[in-house]
Every structure is written in structure tokens, then in C-alpha cells.
């Protein structure tokens, strides 16, 4: 399926977002897929308002939309969704990962001072959430892999980022997203070993969801 194709009816919101995260090559295609994921999540929530998966995909889609559009309203709404999910299930690693990625992404894009003033983004909060996701996520590549890329995007010499990438490169891959993160971890480790910090930061950003789409 191409990035611009209409998702099949059997696809879930998670399927649509995962595919678009790494396959979409334009904002138009990406936003089309995000919109489809939001519709699928909304349909699930209409049937079961407390559906954890649908709520998580709704928050994830909103966060991705904010990343691509620069919408302050969407960004703040996504943060509040992740916070609510993390409060409801503090040992669930996925809301923690989403919350950590939200804070780290906002700080990376806007800088620490502006990110905090405009959106309430804080690097320390993001790192703490990522640590919780890794600690509770078990032996899966998604948690360590995303955490590694987010750290290395900001500091190519981050020792914890490198350690997390090493872990992710050997971790379990039960889902398509896990497989992408294990592959990404291997690529980022090779870049670190090559010794070009700028190239490592650029690659880390490109390997994150929707990082392949130009601003």
C-alpha cells in the first residue's frame, strides 16, 4: 500500500499510524492517514468510551498532527490526553512513551524556554516519562528505541541514548513498530561509531515517526 492509498477497512488506527509514521513522504499524505486513524479511533470510542487502545491512538494521532501542522491547540490537547492516560494507568508504558516523546519533541523544535512558555514542555519531564516507559516496557525495541532516538536527536554524545540504542538493537519485535525501532537502533549505532555528531543527530530525527517528512 502506498502512503497516499486509502487504508483498508480492516486496518486499525494503530496500523494506519504505524505505516504512515515511516512510509508517508509528504505532509498531505501523512495528514490524510492521521485523519483516517482519528476516524477509526473515534468510531471505536463511540462503541466503548473507555477503550484504552482507542484513547491512546487518539492521543498519538493528535500529537502527530501537531508535529506536522505546528498547531498549539493540537499540541496542548495531545499532552493532556497522554497525561490523563498516564494518570489512569501509571504502569502502562505506552502513555509514558507518548508523553515523553511529546515533551522531548516540543523542546527539540522550540527550545527549552519557548517550549515551556508556549506549550508547557519540559525536557526533565520528558526524560522521566521515557525512563518510566523503558522500565515498565519489558524486552521490546519500541521503548528503548524511541527513547534512544529522542535523546540522541538532542545530544549525539548522550551515553544513556547510546546504551538504549544498543539494547533496542537486540530487543524483541512483536509489532511492526518494534521492528522499525530495532532497525533504527542498528542504524544509529553505526552512525555513532562513525563519529560524526551532527550526522547522528540528523539521522536520529529522521528515524523518528514522520521524521522523513521535510518541514
N, C-alpha and C. Protein backbone atom coordinates (compact mmCIF):
# COMPACT_ATOMS: atom_id res chain seq x y z
N UNK A 1 0.85 -1.20 0.00
CA UNK A 1 0.00 0.00 0.00
C UNK A 1 0.88 1.24 0.00
N UNK A 2 0.57 2.20 -0.81
CA UNK A 2 1.35 3.43 -0.84
C UNK A 2 0.89 4.36 0.26
N UNK A 3 1.69 5.40 0.50
CA UNK A 3 1.37 6.32 1.57
C UNK A 3 0.10 7.10 1.30
N UNK A 4 -0.29 7.22 0.01
CA UNK A 4 -1.46 8.02 -0.32
C UNK A 4 -2.72 7.17 -0.50
N UNK A 5 -2.57 5.85 -0.41
CA UNK A 5 -3.73 4.99 -0.61
C UNK A 5 -4.67 5.06 0.58
N UNK A 6 -5.96 4.82 0.31
CA UNK A 6 -6.92 4.79 1.39
C UNK A 6 -6.76 3.49 2.16
N UNK A 7 -6.62 3.54 3.50
CA UNK A 7 -6.42 2.32 4.27
C UNK A 7 -7.59 1.35 4.10
N UNK A 8 -7.30 0.08 4.12
CA UNK A 8 -8.35 -0.92 4.02
C UNK A 8 -9.22 -0.89 5.27
N UNK A 9 -10.45 -1.34 5.10
CA UNK A 9 -11.39 -1.28 6.21
C UNK A 9 -10.92 -2.08 7.41
N UNK A 10 -10.10 -3.13 7.16
CA UNK A 10 -9.64 -3.98 8.25
C UNK A 10 -8.52 -3.35 9.06
N UNK A 11 -7.92 -2.29 8.54
CA UNK A 11 -6.83 -1.64 9.26
C UNK A 11 -7.34 -1.02 10.55
N UNK A 12 -6.51 -1.05 11.56
CA UNK A 12 -6.82 -0.36 12.81
C UNK A 12 -6.14 1.00 12.81
N UNK A 13 -6.51 1.83 13.77
CA UNK A 13 -5.87 3.14 13.89
C UNK A 13 -4.37 2.97 14.10
N UNK A 14 -3.98 1.96 14.87
CA UNK A 14 -2.56 1.71 15.10
C UNK A 14 -1.85 1.32 13.80
N UNK A 15 -2.48 0.46 13.02
CA UNK A 15 -1.91 0.05 11.73
C UNK A 15 -1.66 1.27 10.84
N UNK A 16 -2.67 2.12 10.76
CA UNK A 16 -2.60 3.29 9.89
C UNK A 16 -1.48 4.23 10.34
N UNK A 17 -1.41 4.48 11.64
CA UNK A 17 -0.39 5.39 12.16
C UNK A 17 1.01 4.82 12.01
N UNK A 18 1.16 3.52 12.26
CA UNK A 18 2.48 2.92 12.13
C UNK A 18 2.97 3.00 10.69
N UNK A 19 2.10 2.65 9.75
CA UNK A 19 2.51 2.70 8.35
C UNK A 19 2.86 4.13 7.94
N UNK A 20 2.00 5.07 8.28
CA UNK A 20 2.24 6.46 7.88
C UNK A 20 3.49 7.04 8.54
N UNK A 21 3.76 6.61 9.77
CA UNK A 21 4.90 7.15 10.51
C UNK A 21 6.21 6.99 9.76
N UNK A 22 6.33 5.90 9.00
CA UNK A 22 7.60 5.60 8.34
C UNK A 22 7.51 5.56 6.81
N UNK A 23 6.29 5.59 6.27
CA UNK A 23 6.14 5.47 4.82
C UNK A 23 5.68 6.74 4.13
N UNK A 24 4.96 7.60 4.83
CA UNK A 24 4.46 8.82 4.21
C UNK A 24 5.63 9.71 3.79
N UNK A 25 5.51 10.33 2.64
CA UNK A 25 6.60 11.17 2.14
C UNK A 25 6.20 12.62 1.93
N UNK A 26 5.00 12.97 2.34
CA UNK A 26 4.57 14.37 2.24
C UNK A 26 3.62 14.66 3.40
N UNK A 27 3.48 15.93 3.74
CA UNK A 27 2.56 16.30 4.81
C UNK A 27 1.12 15.97 4.42
N UNK A 28 0.80 16.15 3.15
CA UNK A 28 -0.56 15.87 2.71
C UNK A 28 -0.90 14.40 2.94
N UNK A 29 -0.01 13.51 2.52
CA UNK A 29 -0.25 12.07 2.71
C UNK A 29 -0.28 11.72 4.18
N UNK A 30 0.64 12.29 4.94
CA UNK A 30 0.69 11.99 6.37
C UNK A 30 -0.58 12.45 7.09
N UNK A 31 -1.01 13.66 6.81
CA UNK A 31 -2.20 14.19 7.47
C UNK A 31 -3.46 13.43 7.05
N UNK A 32 -3.48 12.95 5.81
CA UNK A 32 -4.60 12.12 5.37
C UNK A 32 -4.67 10.84 6.21
N UNK A 33 -3.53 10.20 6.42
CA UNK A 33 -3.50 8.98 7.22
C UNK A 33 -3.83 9.25 8.68
N UNK A 34 -3.32 10.34 9.21
CA UNK A 34 -3.63 10.71 10.59
C UNK A 34 -5.13 10.94 10.75
N UNK A 35 -5.73 11.61 9.78
CA UNK A 35 -7.17 11.82 9.82
C UNK A 35 -7.94 10.52 9.81
N UNK A 36 -7.48 9.54 8.99
CA UNK A 36 -8.12 8.24 8.96
C UNK A 36 -8.00 7.52 10.31
N UNK A 37 -6.82 7.61 10.92
CA UNK A 37 -6.62 6.99 12.23
C UNK A 37 -7.52 7.64 13.28
N UNK A 38 -7.66 8.94 13.20
CA UNK A 38 -8.56 9.63 14.14
C UNK A 38 -10.00 9.18 13.95
N UNK A 39 -10.41 8.97 12.72
CA UNK A 39 -11.78 8.49 12.47
C UNK A 39 -11.98 7.08 13.02
N UNK A 40 -10.99 6.22 12.83
CA UNK A 40 -11.09 4.87 13.35
C UNK A 40 -11.14 4.86 14.88
N UNK A 41 -10.31 5.70 15.50
CA UNK A 41 -10.31 5.79 16.96
C UNK A 41 -11.64 6.33 17.47
N UNK A 42 -12.17 7.33 16.79
CA UNK A 42 -13.45 7.92 17.20
C UNK A 42 -14.58 6.89 17.09
N UNK A 43 -14.54 6.08 16.05
CA UNK A 43 -15.57 5.05 15.89
C UNK A 43 -15.50 4.03 17.02
N UNK A 44 -14.28 3.66 17.39
CA UNK A 44 -14.12 2.72 18.50
C UNK A 44 -14.60 3.32 19.81
N UNK A 45 -14.33 4.60 20.01
CA UNK A 45 -14.74 5.26 21.25
C UNK A 45 -16.26 5.46 21.30
N UNK A 46 -16.88 5.58 20.14
CA UNK A 46 -18.34 5.69 20.11
C UNK A 46 -18.98 4.39 20.61
N UNK A 47 -18.29 3.28 20.35
CA UNK A 47 -18.79 1.98 20.81
C UNK A 47 -18.42 1.72 22.27
N UNK A 48 -17.23 2.18 22.66
CA UNK A 48 -16.74 1.91 24.02
C UNK A 48 -15.91 3.11 24.47
N UNK A 49 -16.51 4.07 25.17
CA UNK A 49 -15.84 5.33 25.52
C UNK A 49 -14.56 5.17 26.34
N UNK A 50 -14.39 4.05 27.01
CA UNK A 50 -13.20 3.85 27.84
C UNK A 50 -12.17 2.94 27.17
N UNK A 51 -12.31 2.71 25.88
CA UNK A 51 -11.40 1.83 25.15
C UNK A 51 -9.98 2.39 25.23
N UNK A 52 -9.12 1.70 25.94
CA UNK A 52 -7.76 2.18 26.18
C UNK A 52 -6.99 2.35 24.87
N UNK A 53 -7.10 1.37 23.98
CA UNK A 53 -6.38 1.43 22.71
C UNK A 53 -6.84 2.63 21.88
N UNK A 54 -8.14 2.83 21.80
CA UNK A 54 -8.67 3.94 21.01
C UNK A 54 -8.25 5.28 21.60
N UNK A 55 -8.29 5.40 22.92
CA UNK A 55 -7.86 6.64 23.57
C UNK A 55 -6.38 6.92 23.31
N UNK A 56 -5.57 5.87 23.37
CA UNK A 56 -4.14 6.03 23.13
C UNK A 56 -3.88 6.43 21.68
N UNK A 57 -4.56 5.80 20.73
CA UNK A 57 -4.36 6.15 19.33
C UNK A 57 -4.89 7.55 19.02
N UNK A 58 -5.95 7.95 19.70
CA UNK A 58 -6.46 9.31 19.54
C UNK A 58 -5.41 10.33 19.99
N UNK A 59 -4.79 10.07 21.13
CA UNK A 59 -3.75 10.97 21.64
C UNK A 59 -2.54 10.97 20.72
N UNK A 60 -2.15 9.79 20.25
CA UNK A 60 -0.99 9.68 19.36
C UNK A 60 -1.23 10.41 18.05
N UNK A 61 -2.41 10.22 17.48
CA UNK A 61 -2.75 10.90 16.22
C UNK A 61 -2.75 12.41 16.41
N UNK A 62 -3.30 12.87 17.51
CA UNK A 62 -3.32 14.32 17.76
C UNK A 62 -1.91 14.87 17.91
N UNK A 63 -1.05 14.11 18.59
CA UNK A 63 0.34 14.53 18.76
C UNK A 63 1.06 14.61 17.42
N UNK A 64 0.85 13.60 16.57
CA UNK A 64 1.47 13.61 15.24
C UNK A 64 0.93 14.78 14.40
N UNK A 65 -0.36 15.03 14.50
CA UNK A 65 -0.94 16.15 13.76
C UNK A 65 -0.29 17.46 14.19
N UNK A 66 -0.10 17.63 15.49
CA UNK A 66 0.53 18.84 16.00
C UNK A 66 1.97 18.97 15.50
N UNK A 67 2.67 17.84 15.45
CA UNK A 67 4.06 17.85 14.98
C UNK A 67 4.15 18.34 13.54
N UNK A 68 3.22 17.90 12.72
CA UNK A 68 3.26 18.24 11.30
C UNK A 68 2.68 19.61 11.01
N UNK A 69 1.66 20.01 11.77
CA UNK A 69 0.97 21.28 11.48
C UNK A 69 1.49 22.45 12.28
N UNK A 70 2.14 22.15 13.42
CA UNK A 70 2.59 23.23 14.31
C UNK A 70 1.47 23.84 15.12
N UNK A 71 0.33 23.16 15.19
CA UNK A 71 -0.82 23.70 15.92
C UNK A 71 -0.60 23.64 17.43
N UNK A 72 -0.65 24.80 18.07
CA UNK A 72 -0.51 24.86 19.52
C UNK A 72 -1.69 24.17 20.21
N UNK A 73 -2.90 24.37 19.67
CA UNK A 73 -4.09 23.77 20.28
C UNK A 73 -4.01 22.25 20.23
N UNK A 74 -3.58 21.70 19.09
CA UNK A 74 -3.45 20.24 18.99
C UNK A 74 -2.36 19.72 19.91
N UNK A 75 -1.26 20.45 20.01
CA UNK A 75 -0.16 20.02 20.86
C UNK A 75 -0.59 19.95 22.32
N UNK A 76 -1.27 20.97 22.78
CA UNK A 76 -1.70 21.00 24.18
C UNK A 76 -2.76 19.92 24.43
N UNK A 77 -3.67 19.75 23.47
CA UNK A 77 -4.68 18.70 23.62
C UNK A 77 -4.04 17.32 23.70
N UNK A 78 -3.03 17.08 22.88
CA UNK A 78 -2.34 15.78 22.90
C UNK A 78 -1.65 15.56 24.24
N UNK A 79 -0.98 16.59 24.74
CA UNK A 79 -0.30 16.44 26.03
C UNK A 79 -1.30 16.09 27.13
N UNK A 80 -2.43 16.74 27.14
CA UNK A 80 -3.43 16.47 28.18
C UNK A 80 -4.00 15.06 28.05
N UNK A 81 -4.16 14.58 26.82
CA UNK A 81 -4.63 13.21 26.62
C UNK A 81 -3.63 12.20 27.16
N UNK A 82 -2.35 12.40 26.84
CA UNK A 82 -1.32 11.49 27.35
C UNK A 82 -1.25 11.55 28.88
N UNK A 83 -1.35 12.75 29.43
CA UNK A 83 -1.30 12.88 30.89
C UNK A 83 -2.46 12.14 31.55
N UNK A 84 -3.64 12.24 30.96
CA UNK A 84 -4.81 11.56 31.52
C UNK A 84 -4.62 10.04 31.47
N UNK A 85 -4.10 9.55 30.35
CA UNK A 85 -3.88 8.10 30.23
C UNK A 85 -2.80 7.63 31.18
N UNK A 86 -1.74 8.42 31.34
CA UNK A 86 -0.66 8.05 32.25
C UNK A 86 -1.13 8.05 33.70
N UNK A 87 -2.00 8.98 34.04
CA UNK A 87 -2.54 9.03 35.40
C UNK A 87 -3.46 7.84 35.66
N UNK A 88 -4.24 7.49 34.66
CA UNK A 88 -5.18 6.39 34.80
C UNK A 88 -4.48 5.04 34.94
N UNK A 89 -3.38 4.88 34.24
CA UNK A 89 -2.64 3.60 34.26
C UNK A 89 -1.15 3.90 34.34
N UNK A 90 -0.65 4.23 35.54
CA UNK A 90 0.74 4.68 35.67
C UNK A 90 1.79 3.64 35.29
N UNK A 91 1.42 2.37 35.23
CA UNK A 91 2.39 1.34 34.87
C UNK A 91 2.26 0.89 33.41
N UNK A 92 1.43 1.58 32.67
CA UNK A 92 1.28 1.30 31.24
C UNK A 92 2.38 2.07 30.51
N UNK A 93 3.30 1.40 29.81
CA UNK A 93 4.43 2.09 29.22
C UNK A 93 4.07 2.97 28.02
N UNK A 94 3.01 2.67 27.31
CA UNK A 94 2.72 3.42 26.08
C UNK A 94 2.33 4.88 26.33
N UNK A 95 1.45 5.19 27.28
CA UNK A 95 1.19 6.60 27.55
C UNK A 95 2.45 7.34 28.03
N UNK A 96 3.29 6.66 28.79
CA UNK A 96 4.54 7.27 29.24
C UNK A 96 5.45 7.58 28.04
N UNK A 97 5.50 6.65 27.09
CA UNK A 97 6.31 6.87 25.90
C UNK A 97 5.76 8.05 25.10
N UNK A 98 4.45 8.09 24.93
CA UNK A 98 3.84 9.20 24.20
C UNK A 98 4.08 10.53 24.89
N UNK A 99 3.95 10.55 26.21
CA UNK A 99 4.17 11.78 26.96
C UNK A 99 5.63 12.22 26.88
N UNK A 100 6.54 11.26 27.03
CA UNK A 100 7.95 11.59 26.93
C UNK A 100 8.32 12.13 25.57
N UNK A 101 7.80 11.48 24.52
CA UNK A 101 8.07 11.93 23.16
C UNK A 101 7.49 13.32 22.92
N UNK A 102 6.32 13.58 23.47
CA UNK A 102 5.71 14.90 23.32
C UNK A 102 6.61 15.98 23.90
N UNK A 103 7.06 15.80 25.13
CA UNK A 103 7.91 16.82 25.77
C UNK A 103 9.23 16.98 25.04
N UNK A 104 9.87 15.87 24.71
CA UNK A 104 11.18 15.95 24.04
C UNK A 104 11.05 16.57 22.65
N UNK A 105 9.99 16.21 21.94
CA UNK A 105 9.80 16.76 20.61
C UNK A 105 9.55 18.25 20.62
N UNK A 106 8.74 18.71 21.59
CA UNK A 106 8.45 20.14 21.68
C UNK A 106 9.69 20.93 22.06
N UNK A 107 10.48 20.41 22.98
CA UNK A 107 11.71 21.10 23.39
C UNK A 107 12.69 21.13 22.23
N UNK A 108 12.80 20.03 21.49
CA UNK A 108 13.72 19.99 20.34
C UNK A 108 13.31 21.02 19.28
N UNK A 109 12.01 21.12 19.02
CA UNK A 109 11.54 22.01 17.96
C UNK A 109 11.58 23.48 18.36
N UNK A 110 11.23 23.76 19.60
CA UNK A 110 11.07 25.16 20.02
C UNK A 110 12.17 25.67 20.94
N UNK A 111 12.96 24.76 21.51
CA UNK A 111 13.93 25.16 22.52
C UNK A 111 13.30 25.09 23.89
N UNK A 112 14.13 24.97 24.91
CA UNK A 112 13.62 24.77 26.25
C UNK A 112 12.75 25.91 26.76
N UNK A 113 13.22 27.14 26.60
CA UNK A 113 12.49 28.28 27.16
C UNK A 113 11.16 28.52 26.44
N UNK A 114 11.21 28.55 25.10
CA UNK A 114 9.98 28.81 24.34
C UNK A 114 9.02 27.63 24.46
N UNK A 115 9.56 26.40 24.42
CA UNK A 115 8.72 25.23 24.54
C UNK A 115 7.96 25.21 25.85
N UNK A 116 8.62 25.61 26.91
CA UNK A 116 7.95 25.63 28.22
C UNK A 116 6.91 26.74 28.28
N UNK A 117 7.28 27.92 27.78
CA UNK A 117 6.36 29.06 27.84
C UNK A 117 5.13 28.85 26.96
N UNK A 118 5.34 28.30 25.77
CA UNK A 118 4.25 28.19 24.81
C UNK A 118 3.38 26.96 25.03
N UNK A 119 4.00 25.85 25.44
CA UNK A 119 3.27 24.58 25.49
C UNK A 119 3.34 23.87 26.83
N UNK A 120 4.22 24.33 27.73
CA UNK A 120 4.41 23.60 28.98
C UNK A 120 5.35 22.43 28.84
N UNK A 121 6.18 22.45 27.79
CA UNK A 121 7.11 21.35 27.55
C UNK A 121 8.35 21.48 28.42
N UNK A 122 8.79 20.37 29.00
CA UNK A 122 9.98 20.36 29.83
C UNK A 122 10.80 19.11 29.54
N UNK A 123 12.08 19.32 29.27
CA UNK A 123 12.94 18.18 28.95
C UNK A 123 13.02 17.20 30.12
N UNK A 124 13.10 17.71 31.34
CA UNK A 124 13.21 16.83 32.51
C UNK A 124 11.99 15.93 32.65
N UNK A 125 10.81 16.49 32.37
CA UNK A 125 9.58 15.70 32.44
C UNK A 125 9.58 14.65 31.33
N UNK A 126 10.05 15.04 30.15
CA UNK A 126 10.12 14.10 29.04
C UNK A 126 11.06 12.95 29.33
N UNK A 127 12.23 13.25 29.85
CA UNK A 127 13.19 12.19 30.15
C UNK A 127 12.67 11.24 31.22
N UNK A 128 12.02 11.80 32.23
CA UNK A 128 11.47 10.96 33.30
C UNK A 128 10.39 10.02 32.75
N UNK A 129 9.54 10.54 31.85
CA UNK A 129 8.50 9.71 31.27
C UNK A 129 9.10 8.60 30.39
N UNK A 130 10.13 8.95 29.64
CA UNK A 130 10.80 7.94 28.81
C UNK A 130 11.43 6.86 29.68
N UNK A 131 12.03 7.27 30.78
CA UNK A 131 12.63 6.29 31.70
C UNK A 131 11.56 5.34 32.25
N UNK A 132 10.39 5.88 32.57
CA UNK A 132 9.31 5.02 33.08
C UNK A 132 8.84 4.06 32.00
N UNK A 133 8.76 4.55 30.77
CA UNK A 133 8.34 3.68 29.67
C UNK A 133 9.30 2.52 29.48
N UNK A 134 10.59 2.82 29.50
CA UNK A 134 11.61 1.77 29.34
C UNK A 134 11.56 0.80 30.52
N UNK A 135 11.40 1.33 31.72
CA UNK A 135 11.41 0.49 32.91
C UNK A 135 10.22 -0.47 32.96
N UNK A 136 9.09 -0.05 32.42
CA UNK A 136 7.88 -0.87 32.50
C UNK A 136 7.56 -1.60 31.19
N UNK A 137 8.34 -1.34 30.14
CA UNK A 137 8.02 -1.87 28.82
C UNK A 137 8.54 -3.24 28.50
N UNK A 138 9.37 -3.79 29.37
CA UNK A 138 9.90 -5.13 29.13
C UNK A 138 10.92 -5.16 28.01
N UNK A 139 11.13 -6.34 27.46
CA UNK A 139 12.17 -6.55 26.44
C UNK A 139 11.60 -6.30 25.05
N UNK A 140 11.26 -5.03 24.78
CA UNK A 140 10.73 -4.66 23.47
C UNK A 140 11.54 -3.50 22.91
N UNK A 141 11.70 -3.51 21.60
CA UNK A 141 12.54 -2.49 20.95
C UNK A 141 11.90 -1.12 20.93
N UNK A 142 10.58 -1.05 20.96
CA UNK A 142 9.90 0.23 20.79
C UNK A 142 10.29 1.24 21.88
N UNK A 143 10.32 0.79 23.13
CA UNK A 143 10.52 1.75 24.22
C UNK A 143 11.96 2.25 24.27
N UNK A 144 12.91 1.34 24.29
CA UNK A 144 14.30 1.76 24.30
C UNK A 144 14.68 2.46 23.00
N UNK A 145 14.11 2.00 21.88
CA UNK A 145 14.46 2.59 20.59
C UNK A 145 14.00 4.03 20.47
N UNK A 146 12.75 4.29 20.79
CA UNK A 146 12.25 5.67 20.72
C UNK A 146 12.99 6.55 21.70
N UNK A 147 13.20 6.06 22.93
CA UNK A 147 13.92 6.84 23.93
C UNK A 147 15.33 7.18 23.46
N UNK A 148 15.99 6.21 22.85
CA UNK A 148 17.35 6.44 22.35
C UNK A 148 17.37 7.52 21.28
N UNK A 149 16.47 7.43 20.32
CA UNK A 149 16.44 8.40 19.24
C UNK A 149 16.13 9.80 19.74
N UNK A 150 15.19 9.90 20.67
CA UNK A 150 14.84 11.22 21.21
C UNK A 150 16.02 11.84 21.98
N UNK A 151 16.76 11.02 22.69
CA UNK A 151 17.94 11.53 23.40
C UNK A 151 19.04 11.94 22.41
N UNK A 152 19.31 11.09 21.43
CA UNK A 152 20.41 11.33 20.51
C UNK A 152 20.09 12.45 19.52
N UNK A 153 18.82 12.69 19.28
CA UNK A 153 18.41 13.81 18.45
C UNK A 153 18.89 15.13 19.05
N UNK A 154 18.91 15.18 20.38
CA UNK A 154 19.31 16.41 21.06
C UNK A 154 20.79 16.41 21.46
N UNK A 155 21.35 15.23 21.70
CA UNK A 155 22.76 15.14 22.11
C UNK A 155 23.34 13.82 21.60
N UNK A 156 24.12 13.91 20.55
CA UNK A 156 24.68 12.70 19.93
C UNK A 156 25.65 11.97 20.85
N UNK A 157 26.10 12.65 21.90
CA UNK A 157 27.05 12.04 22.83
C UNK A 157 26.38 11.54 24.11
N UNK A 158 25.05 11.54 24.14
CA UNK A 158 24.32 11.10 25.32
C UNK A 158 24.63 9.61 25.58
N UNK A 159 25.30 9.28 26.69
CA UNK A 159 25.67 7.88 26.93
C UNK A 159 24.47 6.99 27.16
N UNK A 160 23.43 7.52 27.79
CA UNK A 160 22.24 6.70 28.00
C UNK A 160 21.53 6.44 26.68
N UNK A 161 21.56 7.43 25.79
CA UNK A 161 20.98 7.23 24.48
C UNK A 161 21.66 6.10 23.73
N UNK A 162 22.98 6.08 23.81
CA UNK A 162 23.73 5.00 23.13
C UNK A 162 23.41 3.65 23.77
N UNK A 163 23.36 3.60 25.10
CA UNK A 163 23.06 2.34 25.77
C UNK A 163 21.66 1.83 25.42
N UNK A 164 20.71 2.75 25.32
CA UNK A 164 19.35 2.36 24.95
C UNK A 164 19.30 1.86 23.51
N UNK A 165 20.05 2.51 22.63
CA UNK A 165 20.10 2.06 21.24
C UNK A 165 20.69 0.65 21.15
N UNK A 166 21.71 0.39 21.95
CA UNK A 166 22.32 -0.93 21.96
C UNK A 166 21.30 -1.98 22.44
N UNK A 167 20.56 -1.65 23.47
CA UNK A 167 19.53 -2.56 23.97
C UNK A 167 18.47 -2.79 22.90
N UNK A 168 18.00 -1.72 22.28
CA UNK A 168 16.94 -1.83 21.28
C UNK A 168 17.36 -2.64 20.07
N UNK A 169 18.65 -2.59 19.74
CA UNK A 169 19.14 -3.31 18.56
C UNK A 169 19.07 -4.82 18.73
N UNK A 170 18.85 -5.27 19.96
CA UNK A 170 18.78 -6.71 20.24
C UNK A 170 17.45 -7.12 20.87
N UNK A 171 16.55 -6.16 21.01
CA UNK A 171 15.32 -6.40 21.77
C UNK A 171 14.25 -7.10 20.92
N UNK A 172 13.19 -7.51 21.60
CA UNK A 172 12.08 -8.22 20.96
C UNK A 172 11.29 -7.31 20.03
N UNK A 173 10.72 -7.91 18.98
CA UNK A 173 9.99 -7.12 17.98
C UNK A 173 8.62 -7.75 17.69
N UNK A 174 7.71 -7.69 18.65
CA UNK A 174 6.39 -8.30 18.42
C UNK A 174 5.49 -7.52 17.47
N UNK A 175 5.81 -6.26 17.18
CA UNK A 175 4.97 -5.44 16.30
C UNK A 175 5.83 -4.81 15.21
N UNK A 176 5.15 -4.26 14.20
CA UNK A 176 5.85 -3.57 13.11
C UNK A 176 6.65 -2.38 13.64
N UNK A 177 6.10 -1.66 14.61
CA UNK A 177 6.80 -0.51 15.17
C UNK A 177 8.08 -0.97 15.88
N UNK A 178 8.00 -2.07 16.61
CA UNK A 178 9.19 -2.62 17.26
C UNK A 178 10.26 -2.96 16.23
N UNK A 179 9.83 -3.56 15.12
CA UNK A 179 10.80 -3.92 14.08
C UNK A 179 11.49 -2.69 13.50
N UNK A 180 10.72 -1.63 13.30
CA UNK A 180 11.32 -0.39 12.79
C UNK A 180 12.32 0.18 13.79
N UNK A 181 11.99 0.10 15.08
CA UNK A 181 12.88 0.65 16.08
C UNK A 181 14.15 -0.17 16.25
N UNK A 182 14.07 -1.48 16.09
CA UNK A 182 15.29 -2.28 16.17
C UNK A 182 16.20 -1.95 14.97
N UNK A 183 15.61 -1.82 13.81
CA UNK A 183 16.39 -1.44 12.63
C UNK A 183 16.99 -0.05 12.82
N UNK A 184 16.20 0.88 13.34
CA UNK A 184 16.68 2.25 13.55
C UNK A 184 17.81 2.28 14.57
N UNK A 185 17.70 1.45 15.60
CA UNK A 185 18.76 1.39 16.61
C UNK A 185 20.07 0.93 16.00
N UNK A 186 20.00 -0.05 15.12
CA UNK A 186 21.21 -0.53 14.45
C UNK A 186 21.83 0.57 13.59
N UNK A 187 20.99 1.31 12.88
CA UNK A 187 21.50 2.40 12.03
C UNK A 187 22.12 3.52 12.87
N UNK A 188 21.50 3.86 13.98
CA UNK A 188 22.03 4.97 14.78
C UNK A 188 23.32 4.57 15.48
N UNK A 189 23.44 3.30 15.85
CA UNK A 189 24.70 2.83 16.45
C UNK A 189 25.84 2.93 15.45
N UNK A 190 25.57 2.59 14.19
CA UNK A 190 26.60 2.70 13.16
C UNK A 190 27.02 4.15 12.98
N UNK A 191 26.07 5.07 13.06
CA UNK A 191 26.38 6.49 12.92
C UNK A 191 27.21 6.99 14.10
N UNK A 192 26.86 6.54 15.30
CA UNK A 192 27.65 6.92 16.48
C UNK A 192 29.08 6.44 16.33
N UNK A 193 29.24 5.22 15.88
CA UNK A 193 30.58 4.65 15.73
C UNK A 193 31.39 5.38 14.66
N UNK A 194 30.70 5.97 13.67
CA UNK A 194 31.39 6.73 12.63
C UNK A 194 31.95 8.04 13.15
N UNK A 195 31.40 8.51 14.28
CA UNK A 195 32.00 9.66 14.96
C UNK A 195 31.56 11.03 14.49
N UNK A 196 30.50 11.13 13.69
CA UNK A 196 30.01 12.43 13.22
C UNK A 196 28.77 12.79 14.01
N UNK A 197 28.93 13.68 15.00
CA UNK A 197 27.83 14.00 15.90
C UNK A 197 26.67 14.66 15.17
N UNK A 198 26.98 15.55 14.25
CA UNK A 198 25.91 16.23 13.50
C UNK A 198 25.10 15.24 12.69
N UNK A 199 25.79 14.32 12.02
CA UNK A 199 25.10 13.30 11.22
C UNK A 199 24.25 12.41 12.11
N UNK A 200 24.72 12.11 13.30
CA UNK A 200 23.95 11.27 14.22
C UNK A 200 22.68 11.96 14.65
N UNK A 201 22.75 13.24 14.99
CA UNK A 201 21.56 13.98 15.39
C UNK A 201 20.55 14.06 14.24
N UNK A 202 21.03 14.32 13.05
CA UNK A 202 20.15 14.40 11.89
C UNK A 202 19.48 13.05 11.62
N UNK A 203 20.26 11.98 11.71
CA UNK A 203 19.72 10.65 11.47
C UNK A 203 18.70 10.28 12.53
N UNK A 204 18.98 10.58 13.79
CA UNK A 204 18.03 10.28 14.87
C UNK A 204 16.69 10.95 14.61
N UNK A 205 16.73 12.21 14.19
CA UNK A 205 15.49 12.93 13.90
C UNK A 205 14.75 12.30 12.74
N UNK A 206 15.49 11.85 11.71
CA UNK A 206 14.86 11.27 10.53
C UNK A 206 14.25 9.91 10.83
N UNK A 207 14.79 9.17 11.78
CA UNK A 207 14.32 7.83 12.09
C UNK A 207 13.10 7.82 13.01
N UNK A 208 12.78 8.95 13.61
CA UNK A 208 11.59 9.05 14.44
C UNK A 208 10.34 9.12 13.57
N UNK A 209 9.16 8.81 14.13
CA UNK A 209 7.93 8.88 13.32
C UNK A 209 7.77 10.22 12.62
N UNK A 210 7.52 10.17 11.32
CA UNK A 210 7.34 11.32 10.45
C UNK A 210 8.59 12.18 10.31
N UNK A 211 9.72 11.64 10.76
CA UNK A 211 10.96 12.39 10.62
C UNK A 211 11.45 12.48 9.19
N UNK A 212 10.91 11.64 8.31
CA UNK A 212 11.31 11.65 6.91
C UNK A 212 10.61 12.75 6.11
N UNK A 213 9.64 13.43 6.73
CA UNK A 213 8.88 14.45 6.01
C UNK A 213 9.54 15.81 6.21
N UNK A 214 9.89 16.52 5.15
CA UNK A 214 10.55 17.83 5.30
C UNK A 214 9.61 18.86 5.92
N UNK A 215 10.20 19.79 6.66
CA UNK A 215 9.40 20.87 7.27
C UNK A 215 8.82 21.79 6.19
